[in-house]
């Protein structure tokens, strides 16, 4: 059973940066598709980015392209989401998830809150 724990969220101002971490236990993250998702207040969950076992990265939400970067440290069994030039519309709870395919995520973290003020 893979367990995921996110950290690194917080309250920042427009233009600031944050780096979210997703640490895993019970499994090797490099064997999974790792996704970052977010859910803003009153909205559905959307995928932000993912990284495949091969290291290929994909950014799903057009508004985050060129501002967010997903990476993985195999030695630490941790996945990161570097978020730069944050905007108020990035305010959400951010979740990481591990899956066997890009369509099926089997394990989820508890989420970390990101709040961006103008």
PDB file of N, CA and C in Angstrom:
ATOM      1  N   UNK A   1       0.839  -1.182   0.000  1.00  0.00           N
ATOM      2  CA  UNK A   1       0.000   0.000   0.000  1.00  0.00           C
ATOM      3  C   UNK A   1       0.883   1.243   0.000  1.00  0.00           C
ATOM      4  N   UNK A   2       0.722   2.048  -1.039  1.00  0.00           N
ATOM      5  CA  UNK A   2       1.498   3.279  -1.141  1.00  0.00           C
ATOM      6  C   UNK A   2       0.813   4.371  -0.332  1.00  0.00           C
ATOM      7  N   UNK A   3       1.584   5.040   0.464  1.00  0.00           N
ATOM      8  CA  UNK A   3       1.073   6.186   1.207  1.00  0.00           C
ATOM      9  C   UNK A   3       1.803   7.430   0.747  1.00  0.00           C
ATOM     10  N   UNK A   4       1.026   8.496   0.502  1.00  0.00           N
ATOM     11  CA  UNK A   4       1.579   9.739  -0.012  1.00  0.00           C
ATOM     12  C   UNK A   4       1.302  10.871   0.966  1.00  0.00           C
ATOM     13  N   UNK A   5       2.299  11.694   1.191  1.00  0.00           N
ATOM     14  CA  UNK A   5       2.139  12.826   2.097  1.00  0.00           C
ATOM     15  C   UNK A   5       2.653  14.075   1.397  1.00  0.00           C
ATOM     16  N   UNK A   6       1.745  15.038   1.185  1.00  0.00           N
ATOM     17  CA  UNK A   6       2.125  16.316   0.581  1.00  0.00           C
ATOM     18  C   UNK A   6       2.549  17.301   1.661  1.00  0.00           C
ATOM     19  N   UNK A   7       3.382  18.209   1.262  1.00  0.00           N
ATOM     20  CA  UNK A   7       3.786  19.301   2.134  1.00  0.00           C
ATOM     21  C   UNK A   7       4.238  20.469   1.269  1.00  0.00           C
ATOM     22  N   UNK A   8       4.415  21.621   1.921  1.00  0.00           N
ATOM     23  CA  UNK A   8       4.948  22.782   1.223  1.00  0.00           C
ATOM     24  C   UNK A   8       3.937  23.841   0.860  1.00  0.00           C
ATOM     25  N   UNK A   9       2.667  23.596   1.141  1.00  0.00           N
ATOM     26  CA  UNK A   9       1.667  24.613   0.857  1.00  0.00           C
ATOM     27  C   UNK A   9       1.771  25.780   1.823  1.00  0.00           C
ATOM     28  N   UNK A  10       1.009  26.804   1.548  1.00  0.00           N
ATOM     29  CA  UNK A  10       1.007  27.967   2.428  1.00  0.00           C
ATOM     30  C   UNK A  10       0.283  29.131   1.815  1.00  0.00           C
ATOM     31  N   UNK A  11       0.357  30.263   2.482  1.00  0.00           N
ATOM     32  CA  UNK A  11      -0.261  31.507   2.017  1.00  0.00           C
ATOM     33  C   UNK A  11       0.824  32.431   1.498  1.00  0.00           C
ATOM     34  N   UNK A  12       0.696  32.830   0.236  1.00  0.00           N
ATOM     35  CA  UNK A  12       1.704  33.678  -0.403  1.00  0.00           C
ATOM     36  C   UNK A  12       1.005  34.794  -1.160  1.00  0.00           C
ATOM     37  N   UNK A  13       1.795  35.682  -1.724  1.00  0.00           N
ATOM     38  CA  UNK A  13       1.254  36.775  -2.516  1.00  0.00           C
ATOM     39  C   UNK A  13       1.494  36.527  -4.005  1.00  0.00           C
ATOM     40  N   UNK A  14       0.750  37.243  -4.811  1.00  0.00           N
ATOM     41  CA  UNK A  14       0.892  37.129  -6.261  1.00  0.00           C
ATOM     42  C   UNK A  14       2.353  37.319  -6.668  1.00  0.00           C
ATOM     43  N   UNK A  15       2.823  36.413  -7.516  1.00  0.00           N
ATOM     44  CA  UNK A  15       4.187  36.475  -7.992  1.00  0.00           C
ATOM     45  C   UNK A  15       5.175  35.652  -7.191  1.00  0.00           C
ATOM     46  N   UNK A  16       4.769  35.184  -6.035  1.00  0.00           N
ATOM     47  CA  UNK A  16       5.659  34.365  -5.201  1.00  0.00           C
ATOM     48  C   UNK A  16       5.775  32.949  -5.759  1.00  0.00           C
ATOM     49  N   UNK A  17       6.645  32.183  -5.120  1.00  0.00           N
ATOM     50  CA  UNK A  17       6.869  30.788  -5.513  1.00  0.00           C
ATOM     51  C   UNK A  17       6.663  29.861  -4.322  1.00  0.00           C
ATOM     52  N   UNK A  18       6.293  28.650  -4.631  1.00  0.00           N
ATOM     53  CA  UNK A  18       6.201  27.588  -3.632  1.00  0.00           C
ATOM     54  C   UNK A  18       6.680  26.294  -4.286  1.00  0.00           C
ATOM     55  N   UNK A  19       7.218  25.415  -3.468  1.00  0.00           N
ATOM     56  CA  UNK A  19       7.542  24.079  -3.953  1.00  0.00           C
ATOM     57  C   UNK A  19       6.799  23.067  -3.090  1.00  0.00           C
ATOM     58  N   UNK A  20       5.922  22.324  -3.725  1.00  0.00           N
ATOM     59  CA  UNK A  20       5.208  21.268  -3.042  1.00  0.00           C
ATOM     60  C   UNK A  20       5.993  19.974  -3.146  1.00  0.00           C
ATOM     61  N   UNK A  21       5.925  19.190  -2.080  1.00  0.00           N
ATOM     62  CA  UNK A  21       6.583  17.889  -2.060  1.00  0.00           C
ATOM     63  C   UNK A  21       5.545  16.799  -1.833  1.00  0.00           C
ATOM     64  N   UNK A  22       5.816  15.660  -2.380  1.00  0.00           N
ATOM     65  CA  UNK A  22       4.956  14.484  -2.194  1.00  0.00           C
ATOM     66  C   UNK A  22       5.880  13.317  -1.882  1.00  0.00           C
ATOM     67  N   UNK A  23       5.928  12.952  -0.611  1.00  0.00           N
ATOM     68  CA  UNK A  23       6.803  11.869  -0.173  1.00  0.00           C
ATOM     69  C   UNK A  23       6.009  10.574  -0.077  1.00  0.00           C
ATOM     70  N   UNK A  24       6.633   9.504  -0.502  1.00  0.00           N
ATOM     71  CA  UNK A  24       5.946   8.220  -0.545  1.00  0.00           C
ATOM     72  C   UNK A  24       6.577   7.199   0.380  1.00  0.00           C
ATOM     73  N   UNK A  25       5.741   6.311   0.871  1.00  0.00           N
ATOM     74  CA  UNK A  25       6.192   5.135   1.600  1.00  0.00           C
ATOM     75  C   UNK A  25       5.375   3.947   1.123  1.00  0.00           C
ATOM     76  N   UNK A  26       5.955   2.767   1.236  1.00  0.00           N
ATOM     77  CA  UNK A  26       5.233   1.577   0.822  1.00  0.00           C
ATOM     78  C   UNK A  26       5.288   1.279  -0.662  1.00  0.00           C
ATOM     79  N   UNK A  27       6.046   2.068  -1.384  1.00  0.00           N
ATOM     80  CA  UNK A  27       6.152   1.846  -2.822  1.00  0.00           C
ATOM     81  C   UNK A  27       7.200   2.748  -3.414  1.00  0.00           C
ATOM     82  N   UNK A  28       7.644   2.444  -4.618  1.00  0.00           N
ATOM     83  CA  UNK A  28       8.660   3.234  -5.301  1.00  0.00           C
ATOM     84  C   UNK A  28       7.991   4.125  -6.330  1.00  0.00           C
ATOM     85  N   UNK A  29       8.096   5.436  -6.123  1.00  0.00           N
ATOM     86  CA  UNK A  29       7.375   6.371  -6.971  1.00  0.00           C
ATOM     87  C   UNK A  29       7.783   6.302  -8.427  1.00  0.00           C
ATOM     88  N   UNK A  30       9.002   5.931  -8.696  1.00  0.00           N
ATOM     89  CA  UNK A  30       9.471   5.882 -10.081  1.00  0.00           C
ATOM     90  C   UNK A  30       8.781   4.779 -10.881  1.00  0.00           C
ATOM     91  N   UNK A  31       8.055   3.915 -10.188  1.00  0.00           N
ATOM     92  CA  UNK A  31       7.301   2.860 -10.881  1.00  0.00           C
ATOM     93  C   UNK A  31       5.904   3.314 -11.285  1.00  0.00           C
ATOM     94  N   UNK A  32       5.517   4.497 -10.859  1.00  0.00           N
ATOM     95  CA  UNK A  32       4.155   4.969 -11.062  1.00  0.00           C
ATOM     96  C   UNK A  32       4.116   6.236 -11.901  1.00  0.00           C
ATOM     97  N   UNK A  33       2.965   6.435 -12.514  1.00  0.00           N
ATOM     98  CA  UNK A  33       2.645   7.758 -13.040  1.00  0.00           C
ATOM     99  C   UNK A  33       2.270   8.606 -11.825  1.00  0.00           C
ATOM    100  N   UNK A  34       2.942   9.707 -11.642  1.00  0.00           N
ATOM    101  CA  UNK A  34       2.662  10.588 -10.515  1.00  0.00           C
ATOM    102  C   UNK A  34       1.976  11.852 -11.028  1.00  0.00           C
ATOM    103  N   UNK A  35       0.823  12.113 -10.466  1.00  0.00           N
ATOM    104  CA  UNK A  35       0.070  13.280 -10.892  1.00  0.00           C
ATOM    105  C   UNK A  35      -0.094  14.293  -9.781  1.00  0.00           C
ATOM    106  N   UNK A  36      -0.136  15.544 -10.178  1.00  0.00           N
ATOM    107  CA  UNK A  36      -0.501  16.634  -9.268  1.00  0.00           C
ATOM    108  C   UNK A  36      -1.863  17.150  -9.718  1.00  0.00           C
ATOM    109  N   UNK A  37      -2.771  17.264  -8.765  1.00  0.00           N
ATOM    110  CA  UNK A  37      -4.110  17.761  -9.016  1.00  0.00           C
ATOM    111  C   UNK A  37      -4.386  18.925  -8.078  1.00  0.00           C
ATOM    112  N   UNK A  38      -5.410  19.681  -8.413  1.00  0.00           N
ATOM    113  CA  UNK A  38      -5.842  20.731  -7.498  1.00  0.00           C
ATOM    114  C   UNK A  38      -7.343  20.867  -7.552  1.00  0.00           C
ATOM    115  N   UNK A  39      -7.876  21.348  -6.440  1.00  0.00           N
ATOM    116  CA  UNK A  39      -9.308  21.615  -6.368  1.00  0.00           C
ATOM    117  C   UNK A  39      -9.509  22.962  -5.689  1.00  0.00           C
ATOM    118  N   UNK A  40     -10.032  23.896  -6.446  1.00  0.00           N
ATOM    119  CA  UNK A  40     -10.317  25.221  -5.920  1.00  0.00           C
ATOM    120  C   UNK A  40     -11.684  25.213  -5.254  1.00  0.00           C
ATOM    121  N   UNK A  41     -11.932  26.174  -4.362  1.00  0.00           N
ATOM    122  CA  UNK A  41     -13.233  26.242  -3.674  1.00  0.00           C
ATOM    123  C   UNK A  41     -14.383  26.306  -4.667  1.00  0.00           C
ATOM    124  N   UNK A  42     -15.350  25.408  -4.504  1.00  0.00           N
ATOM    125  CA  UNK A  42     -16.520  25.416  -5.352  1.00  0.00           C
ATOM    126  C   UNK A  42     -16.315  24.867  -6.750  1.00  0.00           C
ATOM    127  N   UNK A  43     -15.141  24.296  -7.009  1.00  0.00           N
ATOM    128  CA  UNK A  43     -14.853  23.776  -8.348  1.00  0.00           C
ATOM    129  C   UNK A  43     -14.465  22.311  -8.285  1.00  0.00           C
ATOM    130  N   UNK A  44     -14.468  21.671  -9.429  1.00  0.00           N
ATOM    131  CA  UNK A  44     -14.064  20.286  -9.500  1.00  0.00           C
ATOM    132  C   UNK A  44     -12.562  20.138  -9.476  1.00  0.00           C
ATOM    133  N   UNK A  45     -12.115  18.934  -9.307  1.00  0.00           N
ATOM    134  CA  UNK A  45     -10.686  18.665  -9.275  1.00  0.00           C
ATOM    135  C   UNK A  45     -10.138  18.651 -10.700  1.00  0.00           C
ATOM    136  N   UNK A  46      -8.993  19.240 -10.893  1.00  0.00           N
ATOM    137  CA  UNK A  46      -8.350  19.231 -12.200  1.00  0.00           C
ATOM    138  C   UNK A  46      -6.908  18.777 -12.065  1.00  0.00           C
ATOM    139  N   UNK A  47      -6.455  18.087 -13.084  1.00  0.00           N
ATOM    140  CA  UNK A  47      -5.060  17.676 -13.070  1.00  0.00           C
ATOM    141  C   UNK A  47      -4.204  18.852 -13.529  1.00  0.00           C
ATOM    142  N   UNK A  48      -3.107  19.032 -12.831  1.00  0.00           N
ATOM    143  CA  UNK A  48      -2.195  20.128 -13.134  1.00  0.00           C
ATOM    144  C   UNK A  48      -1.004  19.639 -13.948  1.00  0.00           C
ATOM    145  N   UNK A  49      -0.436  18.523 -13.515  1.00  0.00           N
ATOM    146  CA  UNK A  49       0.765  18.020 -14.167  1.00  0.00           C
ATOM    147  C   UNK A  49       0.949  16.555 -13.796  1.00  0.00           C
ATOM    148  N   UNK A  50       1.779  15.886 -14.556  1.00  0.00           N
ATOM    149  CA  UNK A  50       2.124  14.512 -14.216  1.00  0.00           C
ATOM    150  C   UNK A  50       3.514  14.198 -14.744  1.00  0.00           C
ATOM    151  N   UNK A  51       4.095  13.184 -14.132  1.00  0.00           N
ATOM    152  CA  UNK A  51       5.394  12.696 -14.575  1.00  0.00           C
ATOM    153  C   UNK A  51       5.313  11.179 -14.656  1.00  0.00           C
ATOM    154  N   UNK A  52       5.733  10.649 -15.789  1.00  0.00           N
ATOM    155  CA  UNK A  52       5.672   9.214 -16.009  1.00  0.00           C
ATOM    156  C   UNK A  52       6.932   8.550 -15.475  1.00  0.00           C
ATOM    157  N   UNK A  53       6.919   7.204 -15.355  1.00  0.00           N
ATOM    158  CA  UNK A  53       8.132   6.511 -14.923  1.00  0.00           C
ATOM    159  C   UNK A  53       9.340   6.830 -15.807  1.00  0.00           C
ATOM    160  N   UNK A  54       9.099   7.116 -17.064  1.00  0.00           N
ATOM    161  CA  UNK A  54      10.191   7.445 -17.971  1.00  0.00           C
ATOM    162  C   UNK A  54      10.787   8.815 -17.702  1.00  0.00           C
ATOM    163  N   UNK A  55      10.054   9.622 -16.931  1.00  0.00           N
ATOM    164  CA  UNK A  55      10.496  10.995 -16.680  1.00  0.00           C
ATOM    165  C   UNK A  55       9.793  12.011 -17.546  1.00  0.00           C
ATOM    166  N   UNK A  56       9.001  11.556 -18.505  1.00  0.00           N
ATOM    167  CA  UNK A  56       8.245  12.466 -19.356  1.00  0.00           C
ATOM    168  C   UNK A  56       7.220  13.227 -18.527  1.00  0.00           C
ATOM    169  N   UNK A  57       7.198  14.531 -18.722  1.00  0.00           N
ATOM    170  CA  UNK A  57       6.267  15.370 -17.960  1.00  0.00           C
ATOM    171  C   UNK A  57       5.207  15.955 -18.886  1.00  0.00           C
ATOM    172  N   UNK A  58       4.028  16.141 -18.337  1.00  0.00           N
ATOM    173  CA  UNK A  58       2.913  16.724 -19.070  1.00  0.00           C
ATOM    174  C   UNK A  58       2.211  17.716 -18.172  1.00  0.00           C
ATOM    175  N   UNK A  59       1.838  18.842 -18.739  1.00  0.00           N
ATOM    176  CA  UNK A  59       1.120  19.875 -17.983  1.00  0.00           C
ATOM    177  C   UNK A  59      -0.267  19.992 -18.580  1.00  0.00           C
ATOM    178  N   UNK A  60      -1.256  19.699 -17.759  1.00  0.00           N
ATOM    179  CA  UNK A  60      -2.612  19.583 -18.266  1.00  0.00           C
ATOM    180  C   UNK A  60      -3.370  20.902 -18.289  1.00  0.00           C
ATOM    181  N   UNK A  61      -3.159  21.709 -17.288  1.00  0.00           N
ATOM    182  CA  UNK A  61      -3.880  22.969 -17.205  1.00  0.00           C
ATOM    183  C   UNK A  61      -3.073  24.038 -17.928  1.00  0.00           C
ATOM    184  N   UNK A  62      -3.638  24.570 -18.988  1.00  0.00           N
ATOM    185  CA  UNK A  62      -2.898  25.513 -19.809  1.00  0.00           C
ATOM    186  C   UNK A  62      -2.382  26.714 -19.069  1.00  0.00           C
ATOM    187  N   UNK A  63      -3.087  27.100 -18.025  1.00  0.00           N
ATOM    188  CA  UNK A  63      -2.693  28.305 -17.300  1.00  0.00           C
ATOM    189  C   UNK A  63      -1.422  28.118 -16.485  1.00  0.00           C
ATOM    190  N   UNK A  64      -0.985  26.866 -16.270  1.00  0.00           N
ATOM    191  CA  UNK A  64       0.202  26.652 -15.434  1.00  0.00           C
ATOM    192  C   UNK A  64       1.452  26.392 -16.267  1.00  0.00           C
ATOM    193  N   UNK A  65       1.247  26.185 -17.571  1.00  0.00           N
ATOM    194  CA  UNK A  65       2.396  25.913 -18.404  1.00  0.00           C
ATOM    195  C   UNK A  65       3.376  27.078 -18.326  1.00  0.00           C
ATOM    196  N   UNK A  66       4.638  26.772 -18.242  1.00  0.00           N
ATOM    197  CA  UNK A  66       5.728  27.753 -18.142  1.00  0.00           C
ATOM    198  C   UNK A  66       5.840  28.378 -16.761  1.00  0.00           C
ATOM    199  N   UNK A  67       4.913  28.032 -15.856  1.00  0.00           N
ATOM    200  CA  UNK A  67       5.035  28.544 -14.491  1.00  0.00           C
ATOM    201  C   UNK A  67       5.283  27.417 -13.485  1.00  0.00           C
ATOM    202  N   UNK A  68       4.741  26.225 -13.778  1.00  0.00           N
ATOM    203  CA  UNK A  68       4.882  25.090 -12.873  1.00  0.00           C
ATOM    204  C   UNK A  68       5.827  24.054 -13.491  1.00  0.00           C
ATOM    205  N   UNK A  69       6.510  23.320 -12.628  1.00  0.00           N
ATOM    206  CA  UNK A  69       7.390  22.259 -13.116  1.00  0.00           C
ATOM    207  C   UNK A  69       7.314  21.077 -12.155  1.00  0.00           C
ATOM    208  N   UNK A  70       7.088  19.909 -12.711  1.00  0.00           N
ATOM    209  CA  UNK A  70       7.033  18.693 -11.904  1.00  0.00           C
ATOM    210  C   UNK A  70       8.354  17.947 -12.078  1.00  0.00           C
ATOM    211  N   UNK A  71       8.848  17.383 -10.975  1.00  0.00           N
ATOM    212  CA  UNK A  71      10.098  16.640 -11.018  1.00  0.00           C
ATOM    213  C   UNK A  71      10.051  15.529  -9.974  1.00  0.00           C
ATOM    214  N   UNK A  72      11.028  14.670 -10.048  1.00  0.00           N
ATOM    215  CA  UNK A  72      11.057  13.506  -9.154  1.00  0.00           C
ATOM    216  C   UNK A  72      12.486  13.265  -8.690  1.00  0.00           C
ATOM    217  N   UNK A  73      12.632  12.968  -7.403  1.00  0.00           N
ATOM    218  CA  UNK A  73      13.930  12.588  -6.837  1.00  0.00           C
ATOM    219  C   UNK A  73      13.807  11.133  -6.407  1.00  0.00           C
ATOM    220  N   UNK A  74      14.373  10.250  -7.214  1.00  0.00           N
ATOM    221  CA  UNK A  74      14.225   8.820  -6.933  1.00  0.00           C
ATOM    222  C   UNK A  74      14.895   8.419  -5.624  1.00  0.00           C
ATOM    223  N   UNK A  75      16.004   9.047  -5.314  1.00  0.00           N
ATOM    224  CA  UNK A  75      16.716   8.696  -4.085  1.00  0.00           C
ATOM    225  C   UNK A  75      15.883   9.028  -2.846  1.00  0.00           C
ATOM    226  N   UNK A  76      15.090  10.070  -2.949  1.00  0.00           N
ATOM    227  CA  UNK A  76      14.257  10.473  -1.811  1.00  0.00           C
ATOM    228  C   UNK A  76      12.827   9.940  -1.933  1.00  0.00           C
ATOM    229  N   UNK A  77      12.549   9.274  -3.063  1.00  0.00           N
ATOM    230  CA  UNK A  77      11.202   8.741  -3.295  1.00  0.00           C
ATOM    231  C   UNK A  77      10.149   9.850  -3.133  1.00  0.00           C
ATOM    232  N   UNK A  78      10.448  10.972  -3.738  1.00  0.00           N
ATOM    233  CA  UNK A  78       9.636  12.173  -3.587  1.00  0.00           C
ATOM    234  C   UNK A  78       9.426  12.826  -4.943  1.00  0.00           C
ATOM    235  N   UNK A  79       8.229  13.349  -5.131  1.00  0.00           N
ATOM    236  CA  UNK A  79       7.893  14.118  -6.323  1.00  0.00           C
ATOM    237  C   UNK A  79       7.624  15.556  -5.897  1.00  0.00           C
ATOM    238  N   UNK A  80       8.008  16.483  -6.760  1.00  0.00           N
ATOM    239  CA  UNK A  80       7.883  17.898  -6.437  1.00  0.00           C
ATOM    240  C   UNK A  80       7.026  18.611  -7.481  1.00  0.00           C
ATOM    241  N   UNK A  81       6.431  19.689  -7.055  1.00  0.00           N
ATOM    242  CA  UNK A  81       5.777  20.612  -7.972  1.00  0.00           C
ATOM    243  C   UNK A  81       6.285  22.003  -7.633  1.00  0.00           C
ATOM    244  N   UNK A  82       7.154  22.511  -8.482  1.00  0.00           N
ATOM    245  CA  UNK A  82       7.653  23.869  -8.329  1.00  0.00           C
ATOM    246  C   UNK A  82       6.665  24.818  -8.976  1.00  0.00           C
ATOM    247  N   UNK A  83       6.186  25.778  -8.217  1.00  0.00           N
ATOM    248  CA  UNK A  83       5.186  26.722  -8.707  1.00  0.00           C
ATOM    249  C   UNK A  83       5.750  28.135  -8.611  1.00  0.00           C
ATOM    250  N   UNK A  84       5.926  28.766  -9.736  1.00  0.00           N
ATOM    251  CA  UNK A  84       6.451  30.127  -9.804  1.00  0.00           C
ATOM    252  C   UNK A  84       5.383  31.078 -10.313  1.00  0.00           C
ATOM    253  N   UNK A  85       5.620  32.355 -10.094  1.00  0.00           N
ATOM    254  CA  UNK A  85       4.693  33.404 -10.564  1.00  0.00           C
ATOM    255  C   UNK A  85       3.249  33.073 -10.205  1.00  0.00           C
ATOM    256  N   UNK A  86       3.031  32.755  -8.962  1.00  0.00           N
ATOM    257  CA  UNK A  86       1.708  32.332  -8.527  1.00  0.00           C
ATOM    258  C   UNK A  86       0.690  33.450  -8.677  1.00  0.00           C
ATOM    259  N   UNK A  87      -0.541  33.022  -8.991  1.00  0.00           N
ATOM    260  CA  UNK A  87      -1.652  33.944  -9.199  1.00  0.00           C
ATOM    261  C   UNK A  87      -2.783  33.570  -8.247  1.00  0.00           C
ATOM    262  N   UNK A  88      -3.687  34.511  -7.974  1.00  0.00           N
ATOM    263  CA  UNK A  88      -4.817  34.183  -7.086  1.00  0.00           C
ATOM    264  C   UNK A  88      -5.622  32.977  -7.580  1.00  0.00           C
ATOM    265  N   UNK A  89      -5.707  32.795  -8.892  1.00  0.00           N
ATOM    266  CA  UNK A  89      -6.478  31.667  -9.421  1.00  0.00           C
ATOM    267  C   UNK A  89      -5.786  30.323  -9.206  1.00  0.00           C
ATOM    268  N   UNK A  90      -4.562  30.337  -8.695  1.00  0.00           N
ATOM    269  CA  UNK A  90      -3.890  29.087  -8.329  1.00  0.00           C
ATOM    270  C   UNK A  90      -4.295  28.618  -6.937  1.00  0.00           C
ATOM    271  N   UNK A  91      -5.075  29.416  -6.230  1.00  0.00           N
ATOM    272  CA  UNK A  91      -5.544  29.051  -4.898  1.00  0.00           C
ATOM    273  C   UNK A  91      -6.372  27.781  -4.967  1.00  0.00           C
ATOM    274  N   UNK A  92      -5.965  26.773  -4.200  1.00  0.00           N
ATOM    275  CA  UNK A  92      -6.631  25.472  -4.237  1.00  0.00           C
ATOM    276  C   UNK A  92      -5.971  24.549  -3.220  1.00  0.00           C
ATOM    277  N   UNK A  93      -6.607  23.412  -3.012  1.00  0.00           N
ATOM    278  CA  UNK A  93      -5.943  22.319  -2.315  1.00  0.00           C
ATOM    279  C   UNK A  93      -5.258  21.476  -3.385  1.00  0.00           C
ATOM    280  N   UNK A  94      -3.984  21.218  -3.184  1.00  0.00           N
ATOM    281  CA  UNK A  94      -3.197  20.460  -4.146  1.00  0.00           C
ATOM    282  C   UNK A  94      -2.968  19.041  -3.627  1.00  0.00           C
ATOM    283  N   UNK A  95      -3.190  18.084  -4.511  1.00  0.00           N
ATOM    284  CA  UNK A  95      -3.043  16.676  -4.170  1.00  0.00           C
ATOM    285  C   UNK A  95      -2.041  16.016  -5.101  1.00  0.00           C
ATOM    286  N   UNK A  96      -1.301  15.073  -4.565  1.00  0.00           N
ATOM    287  CA  UNK A  96      -0.524  14.207  -5.445  1.00  0.00           C
ATOM    288  C   UNK A  96      -1.179  12.827  -5.443  1.00  0.00           C
ATOM    289  N   UNK A  97      -0.945  12.105  -6.522  1.00  0.00           N
ATOM    290  CA  UNK A  97      -1.537  10.788  -6.683  1.00  0.00           C
ATOM    291  C   UNK A  97      -0.597   9.897  -7.471  1.00  0.00           C
ATOM    292  N   UNK A  98      -0.677   8.613  -7.181  1.00  0.00           N
ATOM    293  CA  UNK A  98       0.150   7.619  -7.881  1.00  0.00           C
ATOM    294  C   UNK A  98      -0.763   6.661  -8.622  1.00  0.00           C
ATOM    295  N   UNK A  99      -0.413   6.388  -9.862  1.00  0.00           N
ATOM    296  CA  UNK A  99      -1.245   5.501 -10.655  1.00  0.00           C
ATOM    297  C   UNK A  99      -0.438   4.580 -11.536  1.00  0.00           C
ATOM    298  N   UNK A 100      -1.125   3.547 -11.999  1.00  0.00           N
ATOM    299  CA  UNK A 100      -0.478   2.607 -12.907  1.00  0.00           C
ATOM    300  C   UNK A 100      -0.563   3.084 -14.356  1.00  0.00           C
ATOM    301  N   UNK A 101      -1.534   3.951 -14.632  1.00  0.00           N
ATOM    302  CA  UNK A 101      -1.659   4.554 -15.954  1.00  0.00           C
ATOM    303  C   UNK A 101      -1.999   6.021 -15.780  1.00  0.00           C
ATOM    304  N   UNK A 102      -2.007   6.748 -16.870  1.00  0.00           N
ATOM    305  CA  UNK A 102      -2.362   8.173 -16.790  1.00  0.00           C
ATOM    306  C   UNK A 102      -3.851   8.366 -16.559  1.00  0.00           C
ATOM    307  N   UNK A 103      -4.624   7.299 -16.678  1.00  0.00           N
ATOM    308  CA  UNK A 103      -6.072   7.400 -16.510  1.00  0.00           C
ATOM    309  C   UNK A 103      -6.555   6.872 -15.167  1.00  0.00           C
ATOM    310  N   UNK A 104      -5.699   6.175 -14.465  1.00  0.00           N
ATOM    311  CA  UNK A 104      -6.130   5.560 -13.220  1.00  0.00           C
ATOM    312  C   UNK A 104      -5.114   5.815 -12.125  1.00  0.00           C
ATOM    313  N   UNK A 105      -5.533   6.609 -11.155  1.00  0.00           N
ATOM    314  CA  UNK A 105      -4.692   6.899 -10.003  1.00  0.00           C
ATOM    315  C   UNK A 105      -5.253   6.150  -8.804  1.00  0.00           C
ATOM    316  N   UNK A 106      -4.412   5.321  -8.232  1.00  0.00           N
ATOM    317  CA  UNK A 106      -4.864   4.412  -7.190  1.00  0.00           C
ATOM    318  C   UNK A 106      -4.628   4.931  -5.782  1.00  0.00           C
ATOM    319  N   UNK A 107      -3.648   5.799  -5.633  1.00  0.00           N
ATOM    320  CA  UNK A 107      -3.264   6.268  -4.304  1.00  0.00           C
ATOM    321  C   UNK A 107      -3.233   7.792  -4.299  1.00  0.00           C
ATOM    322  N   UNK A 108      -3.756   8.355  -3.213  1.00  0.00           N
ATOM    323  CA  UNK A 108      -3.871   9.804  -3.100  1.00  0.00           C
ATOM    324  C   UNK A 108      -3.327  10.286  -1.771  1.00  0.00           C
ATOM    325  N   UNK A 109      -2.756  11.466  -1.785  1.00  0.00           N
ATOM    326  CA  UNK A 109      -2.361  12.106  -0.549  1.00  0.00           C
ATOM    327  C   UNK A 109      -3.521  12.855   0.052  1.00  0.00           C
ATOM    328  N   UNK A 110      -3.279  13.488   1.193  1.00  0.00           N
ATOM    329  CA  UNK A 110      -4.355  14.174   1.921  1.00  0.00           C
ATOM    330  C   UNK A 110      -4.544  15.605   1.454  1.00  0.00           C
ATOM    331  N   UNK A 111      -3.598  16.108   0.668  1.00  0.00           N
ATOM    332  CA  UNK A 111      -3.708  17.460   0.136  1.00  0.00           C
ATOM    333  C   UNK A 111      -2.973  18.488   0.969  1.00  0.00           C
ATOM    334  N   UNK A 112      -2.574  19.546   0.301  1.00  0.00           N
ATOM    335  CA  UNK A 112      -1.943  20.682   0.975  1.00  0.00           C
ATOM    336  C   UNK A 112      -2.521  21.963   0.399  1.00  0.00           C
ATOM    337  N   UNK A 113      -2.847  22.902   1.269  1.00  0.00           N
ATOM    338  CA  UNK A 113      -3.540  24.129   0.856  1.00  0.00           C
ATOM    339  C   UNK A 113      -2.551  25.161   0.327  1.00  0.00           C
ATOM    340  N   UNK A 114      -2.905  25.750  -0.798  1.00  0.00           N
ATOM    341  CA  UNK A 114      -2.155  26.877  -1.352  1.00  0.00           C
ATOM    342  C   UNK A 114      -3.123  28.043  -1.492  1.00  0.00           C
ATOM    343  N   UNK A 115      -2.773  29.160  -0.909  1.00  0.00           N
ATOM    344  CA  UNK A 115      -3.603  30.361  -0.992  1.00  0.00           C
ATOM    345  C   UNK A 115      -2.743  31.510  -1.507  1.00  0.00           C
ATOM    346  N   UNK A 116      -3.191  32.119  -2.587  1.00  0.00           N
ATOM    347  CA  UNK A 116      -2.442  33.216  -3.199  1.00  0.00           C
ATOM    348  C   UNK A 116      -3.303  34.468  -3.136  1.00  0.00           C
ATOM    349  N   UNK A 117      -2.789  35.481  -2.505  1.00  0.00           N
ATOM    350  CA  UNK A 117      -3.528  36.729  -2.378  1.00  0.00           C
ATOM    351  C   UNK A 117      -2.972  37.779  -3.337  1.00  0.00           C
ATOM    352  N   UNK A 118      -3.844  38.685  -3.741  1.00  0.00           N
ATOM    353  CA  UNK A 118      -3.427  39.721  -4.693  1.00  0.00           C
ATOM    354  C   UNK A 118      -2.867  40.939  -3.993  1.00  0.00           C
TER     355      UNK A 118
END
